[in-house]
Amino acid sequence: MPSSSLTLVVVRHGLTAWNRNGRYQGHRDIPLDPEAARPGLECLRAWSREQLGGWDAIHCSDLTRCRQTLAHLALPGATPCPGTRPEPRFDARLRELNFGAYEGKCYAELESDPGYRAWIDGRGERPPPGGESAGELRARLDAWWQELTREAEAKEGDAYRALVVTHGGVLRELRRRFEAIDFWAAGVTQAEGRHFHLIRHGDAWRCEWSSAVPTPASATR
C-alpha cells in the first residue's frame, strides 16, 4: 500500500557574517561564518544523529550556506540501503526570497525609504525593486512540493522521510501553510527548524503535528 504519511524535517542554514550584521542575503551566495556558526551546527548535528530510520530524500538549497550546513551534519546511512544515504538534491527553488536592491543592506540603511516601509507593511506581497514577491516564492515552492509529495505517495509501506536544508523565508512560508501561524511569528533561528508530520487525506496532505528542531532541552527532561 502506498505511504499515507510524510515526515518532513526542514532546517535553516547556519549563521553567516551577514546574519550577524542584520543584512538581507536573499540570492547572494554568502558562506557560513565558521566560528559563529559552529555552536548551532553542533547542536543540529547531535540532533540529526539521534534520528532513526534514515532519510528517503535529502533536499537542499543550491546556495553555499545551505550546502555547508548539510555537509556539517555528516548524516548517517539512510534507507533503503544500510550504510548509504540518498544523494542530496540541490535545488534553486529552495532559495531564500530574492530581495533585489535590498540585498546587502540592513534595516538602518533602509528604514527611511518609503518603498521599503511599504514592502515591510505588505509582508512582501509586493516585490522589492529588482526582486521577488512572496507570491513568486510560493509558486516555486508549490512546484517543489508537488514533486516531493508525488514521490511520497509512490513509496510503499512506511512513512516517507525527507530532510530539507533551506532558508528563513522558506521556513516561514511552510509554517504559514502547515501550522497556520502568523507571518511575523513564523521566524526560525539559524541552524534550527521544524519537524512536520503530515497525513494524506485524499489528494491533500494535512499537518497533524509539528515540533522544534533541535528538540529544546526543556522538552527532553
Protein backbone atom coordinates (compact mmCIF):
# COMPACT_ATOMS: atom_id res chain seq x y z
CA MET A 1 0.00 0.00 0.00
CA PRO A 2 1.36 3.46 -0.87
CA SER A 3 2.58 5.59 2.02
CA SER A 4 -0.03 7.88 3.54
CA SER A 5 2.26 9.75 5.92
CA LEU A 6 5.19 12.09 5.43
CA THR A 7 7.86 13.10 7.91
CA LEU A 8 9.32 16.42 6.78
CA VAL A 9 12.24 17.96 8.66
CA VAL A 10 13.14 21.45 7.44
CA VAL A 11 16.16 23.28 8.86
CA ARG A 12 17.61 26.72 8.27
CA HIS A 13 21.26 27.16 7.36
CA GLY A 14 23.82 28.14 9.99
CA LEU A 15 24.93 31.65 10.89
CA THR A 16 26.71 33.90 8.39
CA ALA A 17 28.50 37.21 8.84
CA TRP A 18 25.60 38.91 7.08
CA ASN A 19 23.17 37.31 9.54
CA ARG A 20 25.21 38.73 12.41
CA ASN A 21 25.13 42.19 10.80
CA GLY A 22 21.41 42.02 10.04
CA ARG A 23 21.91 42.21 6.28
CA TYR A 24 19.46 40.83 3.75
CA GLN A 25 21.11 37.93 1.92
CA GLY A 26 18.45 36.59 -0.44
CA HIS A 27 20.10 35.07 -3.51
CA ARG A 28 23.57 36.36 -2.62
CA ASP A 29 25.84 33.35 -2.19
CA ILE A 30 27.15 34.19 1.28
CA PRO A 31 29.10 31.40 3.09
CA LEU A 32 28.77 30.46 6.75
CA ASP A 33 30.79 32.26 9.40
CA PRO A 34 32.70 29.16 10.63
CA GLU A 35 33.30 30.21 14.23
CA ALA A 36 29.97 31.90 14.83
CA ALA A 37 28.02 29.08 13.16
CA ARG A 38 29.74 26.21 14.98
CA PRO A 39 27.66 26.06 18.22
CA GLY A 40 24.34 25.96 16.37
CA LEU A 41 25.58 23.44 13.82
CA GLU A 42 26.96 21.16 16.54
CA CYS A 43 23.56 21.10 18.26
CA LEU A 44 21.86 20.37 14.95
CA ARG A 45 24.31 17.57 14.16
CA ALA A 46 23.79 15.99 17.57
CA TRP A 47 20.04 16.02 16.97
CA SER A 48 20.40 14.53 13.47
CA ARG A 49 22.44 11.61 14.82
CA GLU A 50 19.55 10.63 17.07
CA GLN A 51 17.13 10.25 14.16
CA LEU A 52 16.27 6.63 13.40
CA GLY A 53 15.41 5.12 10.04
CA GLY A 54 17.42 7.46 7.83
CA TRP A 55 16.01 9.56 5.02
CA ASP A 56 14.28 8.68 1.78
CA ALA A 57 15.25 12.04 0.27
CA ILE A 58 17.54 14.96 1.10
CA HIS A 59 16.76 18.33 -0.46
CA CYS A 60 18.96 21.42 -0.14
CA SER A 61 19.07 24.95 -1.49
CA ASP A 62 21.87 25.28 -4.02
CA LEU A 63 23.43 28.25 -2.17
CA THR A 64 26.74 27.77 -0.35
CA ARG A 65 25.49 28.43 3.18
CA CYS A 66 22.97 25.60 2.88
CA ARG A 67 25.43 23.22 1.24
CA GLN A 68 27.89 23.87 4.08
CA THR A 69 25.18 23.28 6.68
CA LEU A 70 24.23 19.96 5.11
CA ALA A 71 27.87 18.89 4.91
CA HIS A 72 28.32 19.65 8.62
CA LEU A 73 25.50 17.29 9.57
CA ALA A 74 27.58 14.27 8.48
CA LEU A 75 24.38 12.26 8.15
CA PRO A 76 24.46 8.55 8.94
CA GLY A 77 23.37 5.86 6.48
CA ALA A 78 19.80 6.07 5.28
CA THR A 79 17.23 3.73 3.84
CA PRO A 80 16.79 1.82 1.62
CA CYS A 81 20.41 0.59 1.65
CA PRO A 82 22.19 0.35 5.04
CA GLY A 83 25.46 2.25 5.03
CA THR A 84 24.35 4.60 2.25
CA ARG A 85 22.20 7.69 2.01
CA PRO A 86 20.25 9.27 -0.82
CA GLU A 87 22.17 11.76 -2.93
CA PRO A 88 21.31 15.33 -1.89
CA ARG A 89 19.31 17.28 -4.44
CA PHE A 90 20.48 20.87 -4.70
CA ASP A 91 17.53 22.92 -5.83
CA ALA A 92 17.29 26.65 -6.62
CA ARG A 93 13.56 26.51 -5.80
CA LEU A 94 14.53 26.22 -2.13
CA ARG A 95 16.43 29.52 -2.14
CA GLU A 96 15.58 32.46 0.07
CA LEU A 97 13.35 35.21 -1.34
CA ASN A 98 15.21 37.37 -3.85
CA PHE A 99 15.40 40.73 -2.06
CA GLY A 100 16.66 42.56 -5.14
CA ALA A 101 18.02 46.02 -4.34
CA TYR A 102 17.75 45.35 -0.59
CA GLU A 103 20.35 42.57 -0.60
CA GLY A 104 23.48 43.50 1.27
CA LYS A 105 21.66 46.20 3.21
CA CYS A 106 20.34 46.27 6.78
CA TYR A 107 17.30 47.86 8.39
CA ALA A 108 19.16 51.00 9.48
CA GLU A 109 20.10 51.72 5.86
CA LEU A 110 16.55 51.21 4.59
CA GLU A 111 14.15 52.35 7.30
CA SER A 112 13.63 55.85 5.86
CA ASP A 113 12.86 54.52 2.37
CA PRO A 114 9.05 54.72 1.77
CA GLY A 115 9.20 51.84 -0.70
CA TYR A 116 10.92 49.66 1.88
CA ARG A 117 8.34 50.57 4.53
CA ALA A 118 5.53 49.66 2.12
CA TRP A 119 7.23 46.34 1.37
CA ILE A 120 7.52 45.53 5.09
CA ASP A 121 3.94 46.57 5.83
CA GLY A 122 2.71 44.45 2.92
CA ARG A 123 4.54 41.37 4.22
CA GLY A 124 6.48 41.06 0.99
CA GLU A 125 3.47 40.65 -1.28
CA ARG A 126 4.86 43.41 -3.48
CA PRO A 127 8.33 42.62 -4.86
CA PRO A 128 11.23 44.80 -3.74
CA PRO A 129 12.99 46.69 -6.56
CA GLY A 130 14.56 44.07 -8.82
CA GLY A 131 13.44 41.29 -6.51
CA GLU A 132 10.77 38.68 -5.96
CA SER A 133 7.33 38.84 -4.38
CA ALA A 134 6.11 36.44 -1.70
CA GLY A 135 3.71 35.05 -4.31
CA GLU A 136 6.62 34.17 -6.59
CA LEU A 137 8.34 32.41 -3.71
CA ARG A 138 5.16 30.44 -3.03
CA ALA A 139 4.89 29.45 -6.70
CA ARG A 140 8.34 27.90 -6.82
CA LEU A 141 7.75 26.16 -3.52
CA ASP A 142 4.47 24.79 -4.88
CA ALA A 143 6.32 23.18 -7.79
CA TRP A 144 8.90 21.65 -5.44
CA TRP A 145 6.18 20.46 -3.03
CA GLN A 146 4.22 18.73 -5.77
CA GLU A 147 7.29 16.73 -6.80
CA LEU A 148 8.05 15.76 -3.20
CA THR A 149 4.53 14.57 -2.46
CA ARG A 150 4.37 12.54 -5.69
CA GLU A 151 7.44 10.65 -4.51
CA ALA A 152 5.96 10.21 -1.03
CA GLU A 153 2.73 8.85 -2.48
CA ALA A 154 4.66 6.35 -4.63
CA LYS A 155 6.51 4.81 -1.69
CA GLU A 156 5.15 1.52 -0.45
CA GLY A 157 4.59 0.95 3.25
CA ASP A 158 6.32 3.10 5.85
CA ALA A 159 6.21 6.87 6.15
CA TYR A 160 8.26 8.81 3.65
CA ARG A 161 11.04 10.77 5.37
CA ALA A 162 12.56 13.88 3.82
CA LEU A 163 15.20 16.29 5.13
CA VAL A 164 15.34 19.83 3.74
CA VAL A 165 18.10 22.41 4.33
CA THR A 166 16.93 25.85 3.28
CA HIS A 167 16.41 29.49 4.36
CA GLY A 168 14.35 31.52 6.79
CA GLY A 169 11.86 32.73 4.18
CA VAL A 170 11.09 29.19 3.00
CA LEU A 171 10.57 28.03 6.58
CA ARG A 172 8.32 30.99 7.26
CA GLU A 173 6.14 30.03 4.29
CA LEU A 174 5.99 26.33 5.25
CA ARG A 175 4.99 27.23 8.80
CA ARG A 176 2.28 29.51 7.45
CA ARG A 177 0.94 26.58 5.40
CA PHE A 178 1.22 23.75 7.87
CA GLU A 179 0.81 25.49 11.22
CA ALA A 180 -1.49 28.37 10.23
CA ILE A 181 0.89 30.67 12.06
CA ASP A 182 1.09 34.45 11.64
CA PHE A 183 3.71 35.79 9.23
CA TRP A 184 5.63 37.65 11.92
CA ALA A 185 5.55 34.72 14.37
CA ALA A 186 6.92 32.17 11.90
CA GLY A 187 10.60 33.10 12.03
CA VAL A 188 13.17 30.40 12.77
CA THR A 189 16.72 30.99 14.04
CA GLN A 190 19.76 29.87 12.06
CA ALA A 191 20.63 26.14 12.46
CA GLU A 192 17.13 25.43 13.75
CA GLY A 193 13.96 24.26 12.05
CA ARG A 194 10.69 22.38 12.25
CA HIS A 195 9.63 18.74 12.19
CA PHE A 196 6.29 18.34 10.40
CA HIS A 197 4.27 15.13 10.45
CA LEU A 198 1.77 15.07 7.59
CA ILE A 199 -1.03 12.65 6.74
CA ARG A 200 -2.59 12.25 3.31
CA HIS A 201 -6.34 12.76 3.11
CA GLY A 202 -7.48 12.02 -0.42
CA ASP A 203 -5.40 14.25 -2.68
CA ALA A 204 -4.34 16.62 0.10
CA TRP A 205 -1.69 16.47 2.82
CA ARG A 206 -2.56 17.80 6.28
CA CYS A 207 -0.11 18.54 9.08
CA GLU A 208 -1.09 16.51 12.15
CA TRP A 209 1.58 17.96 14.40
CA SER A 210 4.89 19.82 14.34
CA SER A 211 7.77 20.40 16.72
CA ALA A 212 11.00 22.36 17.02
CA VAL A 213 14.33 21.12 15.67
CA PRO A 214 16.59 20.55 17.52
CA THR A 215 14.31 19.45 20.36
CA PRO A 216 14.50 22.10 23.13
CA ALA A 217 16.32 20.86 26.23
CA SER A 218 13.23 21.57 28.37
CA ALA A 219 11.19 19.13 26.25
CA THR A 220 13.58 16.24 26.87
CA ARG A 221 13.53 16.32 30.65
